[in-house]
């Protein structure tokens, strides 16, 4: 994965390999958006971390599995003598979709499920991200957000890092709760990250 033209703290990387350009093959162009790469590099630089620690928040390390699992299938099958093309869930089927995305961040799941009506959370154009989701569920949700199939994302601070399509608004609930200060590597403050996201995505932040 090409992270950018320049990476933070190059001196930390002791081993460097000379790569023959002819041996490189492009598997997927722009797998992560420019804005997401800006966030990744900024997280490494701001919190003196490394890419292995930071990237796990943005994407599963089994990138090849993700691409092979969720690529659109062009397999044809017959139903009642009518031939149809079967494609996977990447096709946009949600009703009443808008053309931009909104992120709603809660300090914990208890607050989320007590504040937001369950019918809203279950709407097909909305999505709840949970840290206890299986890796398969996380990869599926990640891809749907990346492709703009989801309008509203409800999550806690653990799941705010995604490869987003068109983020226009961020809503931060109870910003002074202690849960917003992550103490694991990379250590970060959600309030600080949201300010940077607002700058990178040209989005608006509301504090509730």
C-alpha atoms as a PDB file:
ATOM      1  CA  UNK A   1       0.000   0.000   0.000  1.00  0.00           C
ATOM      2  CA  UNK A   2       1.338   3.384  -1.003  1.00  0.00           C
ATOM      3  CA  UNK A   3       0.686   5.688   1.940  1.00  0.00           C
ATOM      4  CA  UNK A   4       1.787   8.974   0.312  1.00  0.00           C
ATOM      5  CA  UNK A   5       4.790  10.709  -1.224  1.00  0.00           C
ATOM      6  CA  UNK A   6       6.243  11.353   2.221  1.00  0.00           C
ATOM      7  CA  UNK A   7       5.661   9.513   5.490  1.00  0.00           C
ATOM      8  CA  UNK A   8       6.139  10.649   9.059  1.00  0.00           C
ATOM      9  CA  UNK A   9       9.210   9.665  11.104  1.00  0.00           C
ATOM     10  CA  UNK A  10      11.137   7.979   8.292  1.00  0.00           C
ATOM     11  CA  UNK A  11      14.071   7.528  10.660  1.00  0.00           C
ATOM     12  CA  UNK A  12      12.073   4.903  12.563  1.00  0.00           C
ATOM     13  CA  UNK A  13      12.208   2.505   9.632  1.00  0.00           C
ATOM     14  CA  UNK A  14      15.508   0.709   9.935  1.00  0.00           C
ATOM     15  CA  UNK A  15      15.117  -1.624   6.969  1.00  0.00           C
ATOM     16  CA  UNK A  16      14.571  -0.232   3.498  1.00  0.00           C
ATOM     17  CA  UNK A  17      14.314  -2.283   0.326  1.00  0.00           C
ATOM     18  CA  UNK A  18      15.139  -1.344  -3.227  1.00  0.00           C
ATOM     19  CA  UNK A  19      12.096  -2.266  -5.297  1.00  0.00           C
ATOM     20  CA  UNK A  20      12.174  -2.904  -9.008  1.00  0.00           C
ATOM     21  CA  UNK A  21       9.275  -0.962 -10.504  1.00  0.00           C
ATOM     22  CA  UNK A  22       8.716  -3.704 -13.085  1.00  0.00           C
ATOM     23  CA  UNK A  23       7.873  -6.100 -10.231  1.00  0.00           C
ATOM     24  CA  UNK A  24       5.011  -3.908  -8.992  1.00  0.00           C
ATOM     25  CA  UNK A  25       1.450  -4.511 -10.151  1.00  0.00           C
ATOM     26  CA  UNK A  26      -1.463  -2.198  -9.369  1.00  0.00           C
ATOM     27  CA  UNK A  27      -4.241  -4.138  -7.638  1.00  0.00           C
ATOM     28  CA  UNK A  28      -6.540  -1.268  -6.734  1.00  0.00           C
ATOM     29  CA  UNK A  29      -6.110   2.413  -7.482  1.00  0.00           C
ATOM     30  CA  UNK A  30      -7.081   4.806  -4.667  1.00  0.00           C
ATOM     31  CA  UNK A  31      -7.988   2.000  -2.272  1.00  0.00           C
ATOM     32  CA  UNK A  32      -7.995   4.670   0.448  1.00  0.00           C
ATOM     33  CA  UNK A  33      -9.040   8.216  -0.379  1.00  0.00           C
ATOM     34  CA  UNK A  34      -6.627  11.152  -0.206  1.00  0.00           C
ATOM     35  CA  UNK A  35      -8.486  12.502   2.830  1.00  0.00           C
ATOM     36  CA  UNK A  36      -8.160   9.204   4.670  1.00  0.00           C
ATOM     37  CA  UNK A  37      -4.417   9.106   3.928  1.00  0.00           C
ATOM     38  CA  UNK A  38      -4.141  12.633   5.315  1.00  0.00           C
ATOM     39  CA  UNK A  39      -5.811  11.409   8.508  1.00  0.00           C
ATOM     40  CA  UNK A  40      -3.501   8.377   8.745  1.00  0.00           C
ATOM     41  CA  UNK A  41      -0.326  10.431   8.340  1.00  0.00           C
ATOM     42  CA  UNK A  42      -1.603  13.070  10.701  1.00  0.00           C
ATOM     43  CA  UNK A  43      -2.379  10.451  13.393  1.00  0.00           C
ATOM     44  CA  UNK A  44       1.143   9.030  13.129  1.00  0.00           C
ATOM     45  CA  UNK A  45       2.796  12.442  13.259  1.00  0.00           C
ATOM     46  CA  UNK A  46       0.576  14.015  15.919  1.00  0.00           C
ATOM     47  CA  UNK A  47       0.706  11.124  18.366  1.00  0.00           C
ATOM     48  CA  UNK A  48       4.243   9.850  17.649  1.00  0.00           C
ATOM     49  CA  UNK A  49       2.915   6.455  16.694  1.00  0.00           C
ATOM     50  CA  UNK A  50       3.613   4.077  13.790  1.00  0.00           C
ATOM     51  CA  UNK A  51       1.590   3.058  10.750  1.00  0.00           C
ATOM     52  CA  UNK A  52       0.901  -0.445  11.961  1.00  0.00           C
ATOM     53  CA  UNK A  53      -0.766   0.900  15.109  1.00  0.00           C
ATOM     54  CA  UNK A  54      -2.732   3.605  13.285  1.00  0.00           C
ATOM     55  CA  UNK A  55      -3.898   1.727  10.169  1.00  0.00           C
ATOM     56  CA  UNK A  56      -5.744  -0.889  12.225  1.00  0.00           C
ATOM     57  CA  UNK A  57      -8.282   1.820  13.044  1.00  0.00           C
ATOM     58  CA  UNK A  58      -8.932   2.562   9.379  1.00  0.00           C
ATOM     59  CA  UNK A  59      -8.881  -0.808   7.624  1.00  0.00           C
ATOM     60  CA  UNK A  60      -8.475  -4.537   8.241  1.00  0.00           C
ATOM     61  CA  UNK A  61      -4.920  -5.739   7.608  1.00  0.00           C
ATOM     62  CA  UNK A  62      -6.267  -8.542   5.429  1.00  0.00           C
ATOM     63  CA  UNK A  63      -6.735  -6.176   2.490  1.00  0.00           C
ATOM     64  CA  UNK A  64      -6.516  -8.924  -0.127  1.00  0.00           C
ATOM     65  CA  UNK A  65      -9.345 -10.811   1.575  1.00  0.00           C
ATOM     66  CA  UNK A  66     -11.522  -7.671   1.631  1.00  0.00           C
ATOM     67  CA  UNK A  67     -11.050  -7.031  -2.073  1.00  0.00           C
ATOM     68  CA  UNK A  68     -11.640 -10.639  -3.087  1.00  0.00           C
ATOM     69  CA  UNK A  69     -14.643 -11.037  -0.790  1.00  0.00           C
ATOM     70  CA  UNK A  70     -16.554  -7.901  -1.721  1.00  0.00           C
ATOM     71  CA  UNK A  71     -15.774  -7.351  -5.377  1.00  0.00           C
ATOM     72  CA  UNK A  72     -18.858  -7.186  -7.583  1.00  0.00           C
ATOM     73  CA  UNK A  73     -19.826 -10.511  -9.099  1.00  0.00           C
ATOM     74  CA  UNK A  74     -21.003 -10.718 -12.713  1.00  0.00           C
ATOM     75  CA  UNK A  75     -22.270 -14.270 -12.412  1.00  0.00           C
ATOM     76  CA  UNK A  76     -25.480 -14.938 -14.368  1.00  0.00           C
ATOM     77  CA  UNK A  77     -28.281 -17.206 -13.194  1.00  0.00           C
ATOM     78  CA  UNK A  78     -31.729 -18.080 -14.559  1.00  0.00           C
ATOM     79  CA  UNK A  79     -34.969 -17.491 -12.686  1.00  0.00           C
ATOM     80  CA  UNK A  80     -38.289 -18.395 -14.377  1.00  0.00           C
ATOM     81  CA  UNK A  81     -36.595 -18.397 -17.789  1.00  0.00           C
ATOM     82  CA  UNK A  82     -35.407 -14.815 -17.278  1.00  0.00           C
ATOM     83  CA  UNK A  83     -31.652 -14.259 -17.199  1.00  0.00           C
ATOM     84  CA  UNK A  84     -30.532 -11.723 -14.593  1.00  0.00           C
ATOM     85  CA  UNK A  85     -27.169 -10.400 -13.485  1.00  0.00           C
ATOM     86  CA  UNK A  86     -26.544 -11.012  -9.814  1.00  0.00           C
ATOM     87  CA  UNK A  87     -24.457  -8.389  -8.047  1.00  0.00           C
ATOM     88  CA  UNK A  88     -23.561  -8.161  -4.375  1.00  0.00           C
ATOM     89  CA  UNK A  89     -24.646  -5.733  -1.693  1.00  0.00           C
ATOM     90  CA  UNK A  90     -22.410  -2.929  -3.037  1.00  0.00           C
ATOM     91  CA  UNK A  91     -25.311  -1.898  -5.292  1.00  0.00           C
ATOM     92  CA  UNK A  92     -27.217   0.968  -3.730  1.00  0.00           C
ATOM     93  CA  UNK A  93     -30.678  -0.214  -2.789  1.00  0.00           C
ATOM     94  CA  UNK A  94     -31.445   2.036   0.185  1.00  0.00           C
ATOM     95  CA  UNK A  95     -34.532   4.203  -0.078  1.00  0.00           C
ATOM     96  CA  UNK A  96     -34.670   7.939   0.670  1.00  0.00           C
ATOM     97  CA  UNK A  97     -30.916   8.311   0.435  1.00  0.00           C
ATOM     98  CA  UNK A  98     -29.237  11.693   0.496  1.00  0.00           C
ATOM     99  CA  UNK A  99     -26.003  12.466  -1.306  1.00  0.00           C
ATOM    100  CA  UNK A 100     -23.768  13.123   1.702  1.00  0.00           C
ATOM    101  CA  UNK A 101     -22.723  11.484   4.959  1.00  0.00           C
ATOM    102  CA  UNK A 102     -23.091  12.354   8.621  1.00  0.00           C
ATOM    103  CA  UNK A 103     -21.142  10.982  11.603  1.00  0.00           C
ATOM    104  CA  UNK A 104     -22.702  10.883  15.091  1.00  0.00           C
ATOM    105  CA  UNK A 105     -20.239  10.091  17.896  1.00  0.00           C
ATOM    106  CA  UNK A 106     -21.338   8.887  21.332  1.00  0.00           C
ATOM    107  CA  UNK A 107     -19.201   8.419  24.468  1.00  0.00           C
ATOM    108  CA  UNK A 108     -20.536   4.866  24.895  1.00  0.00           C
ATOM    109  CA  UNK A 109     -23.112   2.452  23.487  1.00  0.00           C
ATOM    110  CA  UNK A 110     -25.362   2.808  26.533  1.00  0.00           C
ATOM    111  CA  UNK A 111     -25.821   6.509  25.736  1.00  0.00           C
ATOM    112  CA  UNK A 112     -26.414   5.775  22.054  1.00  0.00           C
ATOM    113  CA  UNK A 113     -29.156   3.196  22.575  1.00  0.00           C
ATOM    114  CA  UNK A 114     -30.886   5.371  25.185  1.00  0.00           C
ATOM    115  CA  UNK A 115     -30.803   8.535  23.095  1.00  0.00           C
ATOM    116  CA  UNK A 116     -31.573   7.272  19.588  1.00  0.00           C
ATOM    117  CA  UNK A 117     -34.806   5.490  18.709  1.00  0.00           C
ATOM    118  CA  UNK A 118     -34.223   1.891  17.627  1.00  0.00           C
ATOM    119  CA  UNK A 119     -36.233   2.375  14.425  1.00  0.00           C
ATOM    120  CA  UNK A 120     -33.784   5.070  13.354  1.00  0.00           C
ATOM    121  CA  UNK A 121     -30.776   2.851  14.008  1.00  0.00           C
ATOM    122  CA  UNK A 122     -32.367   0.017  12.001  1.00  0.00           C
ATOM    123  CA  UNK A 123     -33.113   2.130   8.931  1.00  0.00           C
ATOM    124  CA  UNK A 124     -31.260   0.751   5.884  1.00  0.00           C
ATOM    125  CA  UNK A 125     -29.506   4.059   5.172  1.00  0.00           C
ATOM    126  CA  UNK A 126     -28.149   4.224   8.750  1.00  0.00           C
ATOM    127  CA  UNK A 127     -25.448   2.145  10.391  1.00  0.00           C
ATOM    128  CA  UNK A 128     -24.233   1.424  13.925  1.00  0.00           C
ATOM    129  CA  UNK A 129     -20.536   0.591  14.349  1.00  0.00           C
ATOM    130  CA  UNK A 130     -19.650  -1.505  17.400  1.00  0.00           C
ATOM    131  CA  UNK A 131     -16.261  -2.605  18.661  1.00  0.00           C
ATOM    132  CA  UNK A 132     -17.598  -6.119  19.326  1.00  0.00           C
ATOM    133  CA  UNK A 133     -18.619  -6.653  15.673  1.00  0.00           C
ATOM    134  CA  UNK A 134     -16.920  -9.600  13.997  1.00  0.00           C
ATOM    135  CA  UNK A 135     -14.142  -8.792  11.537  1.00  0.00           C
ATOM    136  CA  UNK A 136     -16.422  -9.831   8.694  1.00  0.00           C
ATOM    137  CA  UNK A 137     -19.105  -7.375   9.892  1.00  0.00           C
ATOM    138  CA  UNK A 138     -16.534  -4.597  10.280  1.00  0.00           C
ATOM    139  CA  UNK A 139     -15.142  -5.162   6.774  1.00  0.00           C
ATOM    140  CA  UNK A 140     -18.623  -5.147   5.255  1.00  0.00           C
ATOM    141  CA  UNK A 141     -19.594  -1.928   7.046  1.00  0.00           C
ATOM    142  CA  UNK A 142     -16.249  -0.319   6.139  1.00  0.00           C
ATOM    143  CA  UNK A 143     -16.835  -1.010   2.458  1.00  0.00           C
ATOM    144  CA  UNK A 144     -20.405   0.299   2.539  1.00  0.00           C
ATOM    145  CA  UNK A 145     -19.265   3.557   4.145  1.00  0.00           C
ATOM    146  CA  UNK A 146     -16.414   3.897   1.646  1.00  0.00           C
ATOM    147  CA  UNK A 147     -18.808   3.499  -1.288  1.00  0.00           C
ATOM    148  CA  UNK A 148     -21.378   5.951   0.084  1.00  0.00           C
ATOM    149  CA  UNK A 149     -24.089   3.321   0.627  1.00  0.00           C
ATOM    150  CA  UNK A 150     -24.678   4.655   4.148  1.00  0.00           C
ATOM    151  CA  UNK A 151     -25.818   8.167   5.072  1.00  0.00           C
ATOM    152  CA  UNK A 152     -25.646   8.267   8.869  1.00  0.00           C
ATOM    153  CA  UNK A 153     -23.027   6.459  10.945  1.00  0.00           C
ATOM    154  CA  UNK A 154     -23.595   6.090  14.706  1.00  0.00           C
ATOM    155  CA  UNK A 155     -20.548   5.021  16.705  1.00  0.00           C
ATOM    156  CA  UNK A 156     -18.353   5.469  19.759  1.00  0.00           C
ATOM    157  CA  UNK A 157     -14.818   6.866  19.596  1.00  0.00           C
ATOM    158  CA  UNK A 158     -13.380   3.440  18.762  1.00  0.00           C
ATOM    159  CA  UNK A 159     -14.964   3.390  15.310  1.00  0.00           C
ATOM    160  CA  UNK A 160     -14.647   6.970  14.019  1.00  0.00           C
ATOM    161  CA  UNK A 161     -11.835   6.122  11.605  1.00  0.00           C
ATOM    162  CA  UNK A 162     -13.290   5.061   8.260  1.00  0.00           C
ATOM    163  CA  UNK A 163     -12.560   5.674   4.579  1.00  0.00           C
ATOM    164  CA  UNK A 164     -15.481   8.023   4.019  1.00  0.00           C
ATOM    165  CA  UNK A 165     -17.227   8.987   0.820  1.00  0.00           C
ATOM    166  CA  UNK A 166     -18.523  12.518   1.436  1.00  0.00           C
ATOM    167  CA  UNK A 167     -18.606  13.524   5.105  1.00  0.00           C
ATOM    168  CA  UNK A 168     -20.446  16.841   5.567  1.00  0.00           C
ATOM    169  CA  UNK A 169     -21.450  16.892   9.245  1.00  0.00           C
ATOM    170  CA  UNK A 170     -20.070  15.532  12.531  1.00  0.00           C
ATOM    171  CA  UNK A 171     -22.181  15.498  15.685  1.00  0.00           C
ATOM    172  CA  UNK A 172     -20.286  14.976  18.950  1.00  0.00           C
ATOM    173  CA  UNK A 173     -22.386  13.950  21.965  1.00  0.00           C
ATOM    174  CA  UNK A 174     -21.152  14.946  25.451  1.00  0.00           C
ATOM    175  CA  UNK A 175     -17.639  15.944  24.296  1.00  0.00           C
ATOM    176  CA  UNK A 176     -16.189  16.179  27.817  1.00  0.00           C
ATOM    177  CA  UNK A 177     -16.759  12.559  28.798  1.00  0.00           C
ATOM    178  CA  UNK A 178     -13.538  10.803  29.809  1.00  0.00           C
ATOM    179  CA  UNK A 179     -14.128   8.051  27.233  1.00  0.00           C
ATOM    180  CA  UNK A 180     -13.035  10.445  24.493  1.00  0.00           C
ATOM    181  CA  UNK A 181      -9.414  10.271  25.673  1.00  0.00           C
ATOM    182  CA  UNK A 182      -7.972   7.054  24.269  1.00  0.00           C
ATOM    183  CA  UNK A 183      -5.065   5.752  26.362  1.00  0.00           C
ATOM    184  CA  UNK A 184      -3.914   2.985  24.023  1.00  0.00           C
ATOM    185  CA  UNK A 185      -1.364   3.379  21.269  1.00  0.00           C
ATOM    186  CA  UNK A 186      -1.921   5.567  19.360  1.00  0.00           C
ATOM    187  CA  UNK A 187      -3.130   7.790  22.203  1.00  0.00           C
ATOM    188  CA  UNK A 188      -5.510  10.401  20.903  1.00  0.00           C
ATOM    189  CA  UNK A 189      -8.212  12.840  21.909  1.00  0.00           C
ATOM    190  CA  UNK A 190     -11.490  12.499  20.002  1.00  0.00           C
ATOM    191  CA  UNK A 191     -12.110  16.242  20.242  1.00  0.00           C
ATOM    192  CA  UNK A 192      -8.745  16.883  18.619  1.00  0.00           C
ATOM    193  CA  UNK A 193      -9.332  14.277  15.902  1.00  0.00           C
ATOM    194  CA  UNK A 194     -12.771  15.720  15.100  1.00  0.00           C
ATOM    195  CA  UNK A 195     -11.261  19.179  14.589  1.00  0.00           C
ATOM    196  CA  UNK A 196      -8.803  17.711  12.090  1.00  0.00           C
ATOM    197  CA  UNK A 197     -11.554  15.761  10.322  1.00  0.00           C
ATOM    198  CA  UNK A 198     -13.542  18.979  10.044  1.00  0.00           C
ATOM    199  CA  UNK A 199     -10.551  20.605   8.332  1.00  0.00           C
ATOM    200  CA  UNK A 200      -9.785  17.709   5.972  1.00  0.00           C
ATOM    201  CA  UNK A 201     -13.353  16.932   4.908  1.00  0.00           C
ATOM    202  CA  UNK A 202     -14.566  20.542   4.926  1.00  0.00           C
ATOM    203  CA  UNK A 203     -17.338  19.348   7.229  1.00  0.00           C
ATOM    204  CA  UNK A 204     -19.341  21.070   9.952  1.00  0.00           C
ATOM    205  CA  UNK A 205     -19.225  19.960  13.588  1.00  0.00           C
ATOM    206  CA  UNK A 206     -22.077  20.270  16.051  1.00  0.00           C
ATOM    207  CA  UNK A 207     -21.676  19.715  19.796  1.00  0.00           C
ATOM    208  CA  UNK A 208     -24.658  18.211  21.626  1.00  0.00           C
END
